[in-house]
Amino acid sequence: MNLTAVYAVLVVAIVFEVLGTSAMQAAQHFTRLVPTVAMVVCYAIAFYFLSSSLRYVPVGIAYAIWSGLGIVLISLVGYFLFGQKLDLAAVIGLGLIIAGVVVLNLFSKSTFH
């Protein structure tokens, strides 16, 4: 599998993880059936695609990308969909997370096997 396809699989995993986390917020402590079911389905899909990417990307690198981009995306979803505010420290921290993912992908020799 080529590098673009591997990262596409990982991005699909990240998107479904963010959708699942968004559904978790909407499920309101599992009191709403549809968001709860959506959460379970999205997490199942996310973990399937994450596990598929692990054939080609070391687990530590895949998880760093998964968690880093997931944190940034869910923070944006929280801000725009749920009205959750981000202060300056949060924005700086998110920037550092993005920088870390970029450094991993640009300079690490262990991102693909």
PDB file of N, CA and C in Angstrom:
ATOM      1  N   MET A   1       0.853  -1.172   0.000  1.00  0.00           N
ATOM      2  CA  MET A   1       0.000   0.000   0.000  1.00  0.00           C
ATOM      3  C   MET A   1       0.903   1.241   0.000  1.00  0.00           C
ATOM      4  N   ASN A   2       0.565   2.223  -0.809  1.00  0.00           N
ATOM      5  CA  ASN A   2       1.416   3.409  -0.872  1.00  0.00           C
ATOM      6  C   ASN A   2       1.132   4.354   0.302  1.00  0.00           C
ATOM      7  N   LEU A   3       2.035   5.286   0.491  1.00  0.00           N
ATOM      8  CA  LEU A   3       1.976   6.193   1.633  1.00  0.00           C
ATOM      9  C   LEU A   3       0.681   6.998   1.675  1.00  0.00           C
ATOM     10  N   THR A   4       0.231   7.476   0.528  1.00  0.00           N
ATOM     11  CA  THR A   4      -0.999   8.264   0.475  1.00  0.00           C
ATOM     12  C   THR A   4      -2.193   7.440   0.941  1.00  0.00           C
ATOM     13  N   ALA A   5      -2.278   6.207   0.497  1.00  0.00           N
ATOM     14  CA  ALA A   5      -3.390   5.335   0.889  1.00  0.00           C
ATOM     15  C   ALA A   5      -3.350   5.026   2.385  1.00  0.00           C
ATOM     16  N   VAL A   6      -2.161   4.801   2.914  1.00  0.00           N
ATOM     17  CA  VAL A   6      -2.029   4.518   4.344  1.00  0.00           C
ATOM     18  C   VAL A   6      -2.522   5.707   5.164  1.00  0.00           C
ATOM     19  N   TYR A   7      -2.090   6.896   4.782  1.00  0.00           N
ATOM     20  CA  TYR A   7      -2.525   8.083   5.518  1.00  0.00           C
ATOM     21  C   TYR A   7      -4.014   8.362   5.305  1.00  0.00           C
ATOM     22  N   ALA A   8      -4.548   8.014   4.140  1.00  0.00           N
ATOM     23  CA  ALA A   8      -5.990   8.165   3.912  1.00  0.00           C
ATOM     24  C   ALA A   8      -6.775   7.265   4.867  1.00  0.00           C
ATOM     25  N   VAL A   9      -6.294   6.040   5.050  1.00  0.00           N
ATOM     26  CA  VAL A   9      -6.939   5.112   5.991  1.00  0.00           C
ATOM     27  C   VAL A   9      -6.882   5.683   7.406  1.00  0.00           C
ATOM     28  N   LEU A  10      -5.739   6.246   7.785  1.00  0.00           N
ATOM     29  CA  LEU A  10      -5.601   6.833   9.117  1.00  0.00           C
ATOM     30  C   LEU A  10      -6.501   8.060   9.275  1.00  0.00           C
ATOM     31  N   VAL A  11      -6.630   8.859   8.235  1.00  0.00           N
ATOM     32  CA  VAL A  11      -7.521  10.028   8.293  1.00  0.00           C
ATOM     33  C   VAL A  11      -8.974   9.587   8.450  1.00  0.00           C
ATOM     34  N   VAL A  12      -9.377   8.536   7.759  1.00  0.00           N
ATOM     35  CA  VAL A  12     -10.743   8.013   7.921  1.00  0.00           C
ATOM     36  C   VAL A  12     -10.956   7.597   9.373  1.00  0.00           C
ATOM     37  N   ALA A  13      -9.971   6.931   9.964  1.00  0.00           N
ATOM     38  CA  ALA A  13     -10.067   6.531  11.369  1.00  0.00           C
ATOM     39  C   ALA A  13     -10.234   7.750  12.269  1.00  0.00           C
ATOM     40  N   ILE A  14      -9.463   8.784  12.005  1.00  0.00           N
ATOM     41  CA  ILE A  14      -9.527  10.002  12.820  1.00  0.00           C
ATOM     42  C   ILE A  14     -10.877  10.675  12.682  1.00  0.00           C
ATOM     43  N   VAL A  15     -11.382  10.769  11.460  1.00  0.00           N
ATOM     44  CA  VAL A  15     -12.683  11.411  11.237  1.00  0.00           C
ATOM     45  C   VAL A  15     -13.781  10.665  11.990  1.00  0.00           C
ATOM     46  N   PHE A  16     -13.772   9.341  11.935  1.00  0.00           N
ATOM     47  CA  PHE A  16     -14.811   8.584  12.645  1.00  0.00           C
ATOM     48  C   PHE A  16     -14.639   8.666  14.159  1.00  0.00           C
ATOM     49  N   GLU A  17     -13.407   8.785  14.628  1.00  0.00           N
ATOM     50  CA  GLU A  17     -13.189   8.975  16.062  1.00  0.00           C
ATOM     51  C   GLU A  17     -13.759  10.316  16.511  1.00  0.00           C
ATOM     52  N   VAL A  18     -13.558  11.347  15.707  1.00  0.00           N
ATOM     53  CA  VAL A  18     -14.105  12.675  16.028  1.00  0.00           C
ATOM     54  C   VAL A  18     -15.631  12.648  15.965  1.00  0.00           C
ATOM     55  N   LEU A  19     -16.183  11.971  14.978  1.00  0.00           N
ATOM     56  CA  LEU A  19     -17.647  11.830  14.900  1.00  0.00           C
ATOM     57  C   LEU A  19     -18.176  11.076  16.121  1.00  0.00           C
ATOM     58  N   GLY A  20     -17.476  10.014  16.527  1.00  0.00           N
ATOM     59  CA  GLY A  20     -17.897   9.252  17.702  1.00  0.00           C
ATOM     60  C   GLY A  20     -17.838  10.074  18.972  1.00  0.00           C
ATOM     61  N   THR A  21     -16.783  10.878  19.118  1.00  0.00           N
ATOM     62  CA  THR A  21     -16.664  11.730  20.300  1.00  0.00           C
ATOM     63  C   THR A  21     -17.727  12.818  20.290  1.00  0.00           C
ATOM     64  N   SER A  22     -18.036  13.348  19.118  1.00  0.00           N
ATOM     65  CA  SER A  22     -19.114  14.332  19.004  1.00  0.00           C
ATOM     66  C   SER A  22     -20.458  13.712  19.375  1.00  0.00           C
ATOM     67  N   ALA A  23     -20.673  12.492  18.921  1.00  0.00           N
ATOM     68  CA  ALA A  23     -21.907  11.787  19.280  1.00  0.00           C
ATOM     69  C   ALA A  23     -21.961  11.511  20.774  1.00  0.00           C
ATOM     70  N   MET A  24     -20.802  11.244  21.387  1.00  0.00           N
ATOM     71  CA  MET A  24     -20.773  11.026  22.834  1.00  0.00           C
ATOM     72  C   MET A  24     -21.248  12.274  23.569  1.00  0.00           C
ATOM     73  N   GLN A  25     -20.795  13.427  23.110  1.00  0.00           N
ATOM     74  CA  GLN A  25     -21.245  14.686  23.717  1.00  0.00           C
ATOM     75  C   GLN A  25     -22.762  14.840  23.554  1.00  0.00           C
ATOM     76  N   ALA A  26     -23.256  14.522  22.366  1.00  0.00           N
ATOM     77  CA  ALA A  26     -24.691  14.653  22.098  1.00  0.00           C
ATOM     78  C   ALA A  26     -25.519  13.594  22.826  1.00  0.00           C
ATOM     79  N   ALA A  27     -24.911  12.466  23.203  1.00  0.00           N
ATOM     80  CA  ALA A  27     -25.643  11.379  23.864  1.00  0.00           C
ATOM     81  C   ALA A  27     -26.066  11.737  25.285  1.00  0.00           C
ATOM     82  N   GLN A  28     -25.462  12.762  25.838  1.00  0.00           N
ATOM     83  CA  GLN A  28     -25.808  13.242  27.186  1.00  0.00           C
ATOM     84  C   GLN A  28     -25.857  12.097  28.204  1.00  0.00           C
ATOM     85  N   HIS A  29     -24.679  11.528  28.445  1.00  0.00           N
ATOM     86  CA  HIS A  29     -24.519  10.442  29.426  1.00  0.00           C
ATOM     87  C   HIS A  29     -25.355   9.219  29.062  1.00  0.00           C
ATOM     88  N   PHE A  30     -25.404   8.919  27.779  1.00  0.00           N
ATOM     89  CA  PHE A  30     -26.099   7.742  27.249  1.00  0.00           C
ATOM     90  C   PHE A  30     -27.606   7.788  27.479  1.00  0.00           C
ATOM     91  N   THR A  31     -28.172   8.972  27.607  1.00  0.00           N
ATOM     92  CA  THR A  31     -29.621   9.096  27.806  1.00  0.00           C
ATOM     93  C   THR A  31     -30.361   9.287  26.490  1.00  0.00           C
ATOM     94  N   ARG A  32     -29.645   9.508  25.402  1.00  0.00           N
ATOM     95  CA  ARG A  32     -30.262   9.679  24.085  1.00  0.00           C
ATOM     96  C   ARG A  32     -29.804   8.531  23.189  1.00  0.00           C
ATOM     97  N   LEU A  33     -30.762   7.752  22.700  1.00  0.00           N
ATOM     98  CA  LEU A  33     -30.460   6.504  21.994  1.00  0.00           C
ATOM     99  C   LEU A  33     -29.704   6.720  20.686  1.00  0.00           C
ATOM    100  N   VAL A  34     -30.184   7.596  19.823  1.00  0.00           N
ATOM    101  CA  VAL A  34     -29.572   7.737  18.497  1.00  0.00           C
ATOM    102  C   VAL A  34     -28.112   8.192  18.590  1.00  0.00           C
ATOM    103  N   PRO A  35     -27.796   9.234  19.370  1.00  0.00           N
ATOM    104  CA  PRO A  35     -26.374   9.590  19.474  1.00  0.00           C
ATOM    105  C   PRO A  35     -25.531   8.496  20.127  1.00  0.00           C
ATOM    106  N   THR A  36     -26.101   7.743  21.048  1.00  0.00           N
ATOM    107  CA  THR A  36     -25.359   6.653  21.688  1.00  0.00           C
ATOM    108  C   THR A  36     -25.025   5.561  20.678  1.00  0.00           C
ATOM    109  N   VAL A  37     -25.992   5.182  19.859  1.00  0.00           N
ATOM    110  CA  VAL A  37     -25.755   4.175  18.822  1.00  0.00           C
ATOM    111  C   VAL A  37     -24.749   4.713  17.801  1.00  0.00           C
ATOM    112  N   ALA A  38     -24.896   5.971  17.410  1.00  0.00           N
ATOM    113  CA  ALA A  38     -23.959   6.582  16.465  1.00  0.00           C
ATOM    114  C   ALA A  38     -22.539   6.560  17.024  1.00  0.00           C
ATOM    115  N   MET A  39     -22.409   6.828  18.307  1.00  0.00           N
ATOM    116  CA  MET A  39     -21.102   6.813  18.952  1.00  0.00           C
ATOM    117  C   MET A  39     -20.457   5.424  18.839  1.00  0.00           C
ATOM    118  N   VAL A  40     -21.199   4.401  19.177  1.00  0.00           N
ATOM    119  CA  VAL A  40     -20.669   3.030  19.139  1.00  0.00           C
ATOM    120  C   VAL A  40     -20.269   2.653  17.713  1.00  0.00           C
ATOM    121  N   VAL A  41     -21.111   2.963  16.750  1.00  0.00           N
ATOM    122  CA  VAL A  41     -20.821   2.633  15.356  1.00  0.00           C
ATOM    123  C   VAL A  41     -19.581   3.395  14.867  1.00  0.00           C
ATOM    124  N   CYS A  42     -19.517   4.681  15.172  1.00  0.00           N
ATOM    125  CA  CYS A  42     -18.367   5.488  14.733  1.00  0.00           C
ATOM    126  C   CYS A  42     -17.067   5.004  15.360  1.00  0.00           C
ATOM    127  N   TYR A  43     -17.093   4.663  16.646  1.00  0.00           N
ATOM    128  CA  TYR A  43     -15.881   4.156  17.282  1.00  0.00           C
ATOM    129  C   TYR A  43     -15.468   2.809  16.698  1.00  0.00           C
ATOM    130  N   ALA A  44     -16.427   1.947  16.387  1.00  0.00           N
ATOM    131  CA  ALA A  44     -16.094   0.651  15.777  1.00  0.00           C
ATOM    132  C   ALA A  44     -15.415   0.863  14.424  1.00  0.00           C
ATOM    133  N   ILE A  45     -15.958   1.757  13.622  1.00  0.00           N
ATOM    134  CA  ILE A  45     -15.363   2.057  12.316  1.00  0.00           C
ATOM    135  C   ILE A  45     -13.975   2.672  12.505  1.00  0.00           C
ATOM    136  N   ALA A  46     -13.864   3.596  13.451  1.00  0.00           N
ATOM    137  CA  ALA A  46     -12.584   4.264  13.705  1.00  0.00           C
ATOM    138  C   ALA A  46     -11.508   3.253  14.088  1.00  0.00           C
ATOM    139  N   PHE A  47     -11.827   2.343  14.991  1.00  0.00           N
ATOM    140  CA  PHE A  47     -10.827   1.366  15.426  1.00  0.00           C
ATOM    141  C   PHE A  47     -10.498   0.367  14.322  1.00  0.00           C
ATOM    142  N   TYR A  48     -11.466   0.043  13.478  1.00  0.00           N
ATOM    143  CA  TYR A  48     -11.182  -0.833  12.349  1.00  0.00           C
ATOM    144  C   TYR A  48     -10.145  -0.175  11.428  1.00  0.00           C
ATOM    145  N   PHE A  49     -10.376   1.085  11.061  1.00  0.00           N
ATOM    146  CA  PHE A  49      -9.441   1.761  10.170  1.00  0.00           C
ATOM    147  C   PHE A  49      -8.095   2.030  10.844  1.00  0.00           C
ATOM    148  N   LEU A  50      -8.110   2.342  12.130  1.00  0.00           N
ATOM    149  CA  LEU A  50      -6.844   2.513  12.845  1.00  0.00           C
ATOM    150  C   LEU A  50      -6.051   1.206  12.807  1.00  0.00           C
ATOM    151  N   SER A  51      -6.712   0.098  13.089  1.00  0.00           N
ATOM    152  CA  SER A  51      -6.003  -1.183  13.074  1.00  0.00           C
ATOM    153  C   SER A  51      -5.497  -1.519  11.676  1.00  0.00           C
ATOM    154  N   SER A  52      -6.211  -1.116  10.650  1.00  0.00           N
ATOM    155  CA  SER A  52      -5.747  -1.339   9.276  1.00  0.00           C
ATOM    156  C   SER A  52      -4.478  -0.549   8.986  1.00  0.00           C
ATOM    157  N   SER A  53      -4.405   0.664   9.506  1.00  0.00           N
ATOM    158  CA  SER A  53      -3.214   1.485   9.264  1.00  0.00           C
ATOM    159  C   SER A  53      -1.986   0.916   9.982  1.00  0.00           C
ATOM    160  N   LEU A  54      -2.212   0.145  11.041  1.00  0.00           N
ATOM    161  CA  LEU A  54      -1.088  -0.392  11.817  1.00  0.00           C
ATOM    162  C   LEU A  54      -0.297  -1.462  11.067  1.00  0.00           C
ATOM    163  N   ARG A  55      -0.803  -1.919   9.931  1.00  0.00           N
ATOM    164  CA  ARG A  55      -0.023  -2.834   9.093  1.00  0.00           C
ATOM    165  C   ARG A  55       1.196  -2.129   8.505  1.00  0.00           C
ATOM    166  N   TYR A  56       1.102  -0.819   8.377  1.00  0.00           N
ATOM    167  CA  TYR A  56       2.123  -0.061   7.657  1.00  0.00           C
ATOM    168  C   TYR A  56       2.785   1.044   8.482  1.00  0.00           C
ATOM    169  N   VAL A  57       2.150   1.474   9.550  1.00  0.00           N
ATOM    170  CA  VAL A  57       2.671   2.557  10.378  1.00  0.00           C
ATOM    171  C   VAL A  57       2.891   2.007  11.785  1.00  0.00           C
ATOM    172  N   PRO A  58       4.047   2.252  12.392  1.00  0.00           N
ATOM    173  CA  PRO A  58       4.266   1.787  13.764  1.00  0.00           C
ATOM    174  C   PRO A  58       3.185   2.340  14.709  1.00  0.00           C
ATOM    175  N   VAL A  59       2.805   1.571  15.694  1.00  0.00           N
ATOM    176  CA  VAL A  59       1.696   1.919  16.573  1.00  0.00           C
ATOM    177  C   VAL A  59       1.914   3.267  17.265  1.00  0.00           C
ATOM    178  N   GLY A  60       3.126   3.549  17.696  1.00  0.00           N
ATOM    179  CA  GLY A  60       3.386   4.817  18.384  1.00  0.00           C
ATOM    180  C   GLY A  60       3.184   6.013  17.476  1.00  0.00           C
ATOM    181  N   ILE A  61       3.627   5.889  16.235  1.00  0.00           N
ATOM    182  CA  ILE A  61       3.473   6.975  15.270  1.00  0.00           C
ATOM    183  C   ILE A  61       2.004   7.133  14.891  1.00  0.00           C
ATOM    184  N   ALA A  62       1.334   6.022  14.589  1.00  0.00           N
ATOM    185  CA  ALA A  62      -0.083   6.075  14.219  1.00  0.00           C
ATOM    186  C   ALA A  62      -0.904   6.687  15.350  1.00  0.00           C
ATOM    187  N   TYR A  63      -0.615   6.275  16.577  1.00  0.00           N
ATOM    188  CA  TYR A  63      -1.392   6.789  17.703  1.00  0.00           C
ATOM    189  C   TYR A  63      -1.090   8.263  17.966  1.00  0.00           C
ATOM    190  N   ALA A  64       0.148   8.684  17.739  1.00  0.00           N
ATOM    191  CA  ALA A  64       0.478  10.104  17.901  1.00  0.00           C
ATOM    192  C   ALA A  64      -0.294  10.948  16.892  1.00  0.00           C
ATOM    193  N   ILE A  65      -0.346  10.479  15.654  1.00  0.00           N
ATOM    194  CA  ILE A  65      -1.099  11.212  14.625  1.00  0.00           C
ATOM    195  C   ILE A  65      -2.584  11.175  14.943  1.00  0.00           C
ATOM    196  N   TRP A  66      -3.096  10.002  15.276  1.00  0.00           N
ATOM    197  CA  TRP A  66      -4.514   9.805  15.616  1.00  0.00           C
ATOM    198  C   TRP A  66      -4.930  10.719  16.763  1.00  0.00           C
ATOM    199  N   SER A  67      -4.176  10.675  17.839  1.00  0.00           N
ATOM    200  CA  SER A  67      -4.572  11.460  19.014  1.00  0.00           C
ATOM    201  C   SER A  67      -4.332  12.948  18.790  1.00  0.00           C
ATOM    202  N   GLY A  68      -3.221  13.307  18.150  1.00  0.00           N
ATOM    203  CA  GLY A  68      -2.930  14.723  17.928  1.00  0.00           C
ATOM    204  C   GLY A  68      -3.958  15.389  17.037  1.00  0.00           C
ATOM    205  N   LEU A  69      -4.202  14.802  15.884  1.00  0.00           N
ATOM    206  CA  LEU A  69      -5.184  15.403  14.980  1.00  0.00           C
ATOM    207  C   LEU A  69      -6.597  15.276  15.536  1.00  0.00           C
ATOM    208  N   GLY A  70      -6.864  14.182  16.233  1.00  0.00           N
ATOM    209  CA  GLY A  70      -8.176  14.026  16.860  1.00  0.00           C
ATOM    210  C   GLY A  70      -8.452  15.103  17.895  1.00  0.00           C
ATOM    211  N   ILE A  71      -7.445  15.426  18.706  1.00  0.00           N
ATOM    212  CA  ILE A  71      -7.597  16.485  19.717  1.00  0.00           C
ATOM    213  C   ILE A  71      -7.883  17.820  19.055  1.00  0.00           C
ATOM    214  N   VAL A  72      -7.130  18.130  18.013  1.00  0.00           N
ATOM    215  CA  VAL A  72      -7.331  19.405  17.326  1.00  0.00           C
ATOM    216  C   VAL A  72      -8.721  19.457  16.690  1.00  0.00           C
ATOM    217  N   LEU A  73      -9.094  18.400  15.988  1.00  0.00           N
ATOM    218  CA  LEU A  73     -10.401  18.403  15.317  1.00  0.00           C
ATOM    219  C   LEU A  73     -11.560  18.441  16.309  1.00  0.00           C
ATOM    220  N   ILE A  74     -11.472  17.665  17.393  1.00  0.00           N
ATOM    221  CA  ILE A  74     -12.581  17.677  18.347  1.00  0.00           C
ATOM    222  C   ILE A  74     -12.647  19.006  19.088  1.00  0.00           C
ATOM    223  N   SER A  75     -11.508  19.663  19.254  1.00  0.00           N
ATOM    224  CA  SER A  75     -11.530  21.005  19.851  1.00  0.00           C
ATOM    225  C   SER A  75     -12.255  21.984  18.937  1.00  0.00           C
ATOM    226  N   LEU A  76     -12.025  21.859  17.636  1.00  0.00           N
ATOM    227  CA  LEU A  76     -12.728  22.722  16.678  1.00  0.00           C
ATOM    228  C   LEU A  76     -14.224  22.408  16.645  1.00  0.00           C
ATOM    229  N   VAL A  77     -14.564  21.127  16.685  1.00  0.00           N
ATOM    230  CA  VAL A  77     -15.983  20.737  16.740  1.00  0.00           C
ATOM    231  C   VAL A  77     -16.620  21.286  18.009  1.00  0.00           C
ATOM    232  N   GLY A  78     -15.937  21.150  19.133  1.00  0.00           N
ATOM    233  CA  GLY A  78     -16.461  21.677  20.395  1.00  0.00           C
ATOM    234  C   GLY A  78     -16.686  23.175  20.325  1.00  0.00           C
ATOM    235  N   TYR A  79     -15.767  23.868  19.691  1.00  0.00           N
ATOM    236  CA  TYR A  79     -15.881  25.323  19.569  1.00  0.00           C
ATOM    237  C   TYR A  79     -17.054  25.712  18.666  1.00  0.00           C
ATOM    238  N   PHE A  80     -17.110  25.120  17.461  1.00  0.00           N
ATOM    239  CA  PHE A  80     -18.117  25.533  16.487  1.00  0.00           C
ATOM    240  C   PHE A  80     -19.494  24.910  16.699  1.00  0.00           C
ATOM    241  N   LEU A  81     -19.560  23.658  17.131  1.00  0.00           N
ATOM    242  CA  LEU A  81     -20.854  22.997  17.293  1.00  0.00           C
ATOM    243  C   LEU A  81     -21.437  23.114  18.693  1.00  0.00           C
ATOM    244  N   PHE A  82     -20.572  23.032  19.693  1.00  0.00           N
ATOM    245  CA  PHE A  82     -21.062  22.996  21.067  1.00  0.00           C
ATOM    246  C   PHE A  82     -20.810  24.281  21.831  1.00  0.00           C
ATOM    247  N   GLY A  83     -20.225  25.290  21.175  1.00  0.00           N
ATOM    248  CA  GLY A  83     -20.006  26.582  21.807  1.00  0.00           C
ATOM    249  C   GLY A  83     -19.005  26.559  22.947  1.00  0.00           C
ATOM    250  N   GLN A  84     -18.070  25.626  22.916  1.00  0.00           N
ATOM    251  CA  GLN A  84     -17.057  25.518  23.965  1.00  0.00           C
ATOM    252  C   GLN A  84     -15.882  26.418  23.598  1.00  0.00           C
ATOM    253  N   LYS A  85     -15.561  27.354  24.465  1.00  0.00           N
ATOM    254  CA  LYS A  85     -14.550  28.362  24.182  1.00  0.00           C
ATOM    255  C   LYS A  85     -13.135  27.818  24.394  1.00  0.00           C
ATOM    256  N   LEU A  86     -12.200  28.343  23.624  1.00  0.00           N
ATOM    257  CA  LEU A  86     -10.786  28.005  23.755  1.00  0.00           C
ATOM    258  C   LEU A  86     -10.033  29.268  24.161  1.00  0.00           C
ATOM    259  N   ASP A  87      -9.287  29.196  25.258  1.00  0.00           N
ATOM    260  CA  ASP A  87      -8.492  30.352  25.660  1.00  0.00           C
ATOM    261  C   ASP A  87      -7.141  30.307  24.945  1.00  0.00           C
ATOM    262  N   LEU A  88      -6.316  31.319  25.179  1.00  0.00           N
ATOM    263  CA  LEU A  88      -5.034  31.432  24.495  1.00  0.00           C
ATOM    264  C   LEU A  88      -4.139  30.224  24.778  1.00  0.00           C
ATOM    265  N   ALA A  89      -4.115  29.772  26.016  1.00  0.00           N
ATOM    266  CA  ALA A  89      -3.283  28.613  26.358  1.00  0.00           C
ATOM    267  C   ALA A  89      -3.729  27.372  25.575  1.00  0.00           C
ATOM    268  N   ALA A  90      -5.029  27.189  25.408  1.00  0.00           N
ATOM    269  CA  ALA A  90      -5.541  26.049  24.649  1.00  0.00           C
ATOM    270  C   ALA A  90      -5.134  26.145  23.183  1.00  0.00           C
ATOM    271  N   VAL A  91      -5.236  27.336  22.616  1.00  0.00           N
ATOM    272  CA  VAL A  91      -4.863  27.529  21.212  1.00  0.00           C
ATOM    273  C   VAL A  91      -3.365  27.277  21.018  1.00  0.00           C
ATOM    274  N   ILE A  92      -2.540  27.770  21.930  1.00  0.00           N
ATOM    275  CA  ILE A  92      -1.096  27.535  21.850  1.00  0.00           C
ATOM    276  C   ILE A  92      -0.799  26.040  21.978  1.00  0.00           C
ATOM    277  N   GLY A  93      -1.443  25.379  22.922  1.00  0.00           N
ATOM    278  CA  GLY A  93      -1.250  23.938  23.092  1.00  0.00           C
ATOM    279  C   GLY A  93      -1.655  23.156  21.853  1.00  0.00           C
ATOM    280  N   LEU A  94      -2.768  23.525  21.247  1.00  0.00           N
ATOM    281  CA  LEU A  94      -3.202  22.855  20.019  1.00  0.00           C
ATOM    282  C   LEU A  94      -2.191  23.091  18.893  1.00  0.00           C
ATOM    283  N   GLY A  95      -1.629  24.295  18.844  1.00  0.00           N
ATOM    284  CA  GLY A  95      -0.595  24.586  17.852  1.00  0.00           C
ATOM    285  C   GLY A  95       0.633  23.713  18.052  1.00  0.00           C
ATOM    286  N   LEU A  96       1.005  23.496  19.302  1.00  0.00           N
ATOM    287  CA  LEU A  96       2.149  22.631  19.595  1.00  0.00           C
ATOM    288  C   LEU A  96       1.874  21.177  19.199  1.00  0.00           C
ATOM    289  N   ILE A  97       0.637  20.741  19.397  1.00  0.00           N
ATOM    290  CA  ILE A  97       0.261  19.387  18.984  1.00  0.00           C
ATOM    291  C   ILE A  97       0.388  19.251  17.473  1.00  0.00           C
ATOM    292  N   ILE A  98      -0.121  20.243  16.739  1.00  0.00           N
ATOM    293  CA  ILE A  98      -0.002  20.218  15.280  1.00  0.00           C
ATOM    294  C   ILE A  98       1.470  20.208  14.873  1.00  0.00           C
ATOM    295  N   ALA A  99       2.277  21.027  15.526  1.00  0.00           N
ATOM    296  CA  ALA A  99       3.710  21.067  15.225  1.00  0.00           C
ATOM    297  C   ALA A  99       4.347  19.702  15.463  1.00  0.00           C
ATOM    298  N   GLY A 100       3.964  19.030  16.526  1.00  0.00           N
ATOM    299  CA  GLY A 100       4.502  17.701  16.814  1.00  0.00           C
ATOM    300  C   GLY A 100       4.152  16.693  15.737  1.00  0.00           C
ATOM    301  N   VAL A 101       2.915  16.712  15.257  1.00  0.00           N
ATOM    302  CA  VAL A 101       2.506  15.798  14.190  1.00  0.00           C
ATOM    303  C   VAL A 101       3.278  16.111  12.905  1.00  0.00           C
ATOM    304  N   VAL A 102       3.466  17.388  12.614  1.00  0.00           N
ATOM    305  CA  VAL A 102       4.225  17.775  11.422  1.00  0.00           C
ATOM    306  C   VAL A 102       5.673  17.299  11.527  1.00  0.00           C
ATOM    307  N   VAL A 103       6.294  17.497  12.680  1.00  0.00           N
ATOM    308  CA  VAL A 103       7.681  17.049  12.876  1.00  0.00           C
ATOM    309  C   VAL A 103       7.783  15.537  12.693  1.00  0.00           C
ATOM    310  N   LEU A 104       6.849  14.792  13.271  1.00  0.00           N
ATOM    311  CA  LEU A 104       6.854  13.333  13.103  1.00  0.00           C
ATOM    312  C   LEU A 104       6.824  12.944  11.635  1.00  0.00           C
ATOM    313  N   ASN A 105       5.940  13.581  10.886  1.00  0.00           N
ATOM    314  CA  ASN A 105       5.753  13.191   9.493  1.00  0.00           C
ATOM    315  C   ASN A 105       6.858  13.682   8.571  1.00  0.00           C
ATOM    316  N   LEU A 106       7.438  14.814   8.872  1.00  0.00           N
ATOM    317  CA  LEU A 106       8.475  15.351   7.994  1.00  0.00           C
ATOM    318  C   LEU A 106       9.868  14.812   8.290  1.00  0.00           C
ATOM    319  N   PHE A 107      10.167  14.551   9.556  1.00  0.00           N
ATOM    320  CA  PHE A 107      11.543  14.255   9.928  1.00  0.00           C
ATOM    321  C   PHE A 107      11.781  12.856  10.478  1.00  0.00           C
ATOM    322  N   SER A 108      10.752  12.144  10.872  1.00  0.00           N
ATOM    323  CA  SER A 108      10.962  10.815  11.438  1.00  0.00           C
ATOM    324  C   SER A 108      11.101   9.783  10.323  1.00  0.00           C
ATOM    325  N   LYS A 109      12.063   8.906  10.496  1.00  0.00           N
ATOM    326  CA  LYS A 109      12.254   7.802   9.535  1.00  0.00           C
ATOM    327  C   LYS A 109      11.392   6.602   9.901  1.00  0.00           C
ATOM    328  N   SER A 110      10.682   6.660  11.008  1.00  0.00           N
ATOM    329  CA  SER A 110       9.906   5.507  11.464  1.00  0.00           C
ATOM    330  C   SER A 110       8.412   5.653  11.192  1.00  0.00           C
ATOM    331  N   THR A 111       8.016   6.559  10.323  1.00  0.00           N
ATOM    332  CA  THR A 111       6.588   6.767  10.091  1.00  0.00           C
ATOM    333  C   THR A 111       5.967   5.746   9.157  1.00  0.00           C
ATOM    334  N   PHE A 112       6.762   4.980   8.448  1.00  0.00           N
ATOM    335  CA  PHE A 112       6.216   4.060   7.450  1.00  0.00           C
ATOM    336  C   PHE A 112       7.104   2.826   7.381  1.00  0.00           C
ATOM    337  N   HIS A 113       6.503   1.644   7.419  1.00  0.00           N
ATOM    338  CA  HIS A 113       7.313   0.424   7.256  1.00  0.00           C
ATOM    339  C   HIS A 113       6.663  -0.532   6.277  1.00  0.00           C
TER     340      HIS A 113
END
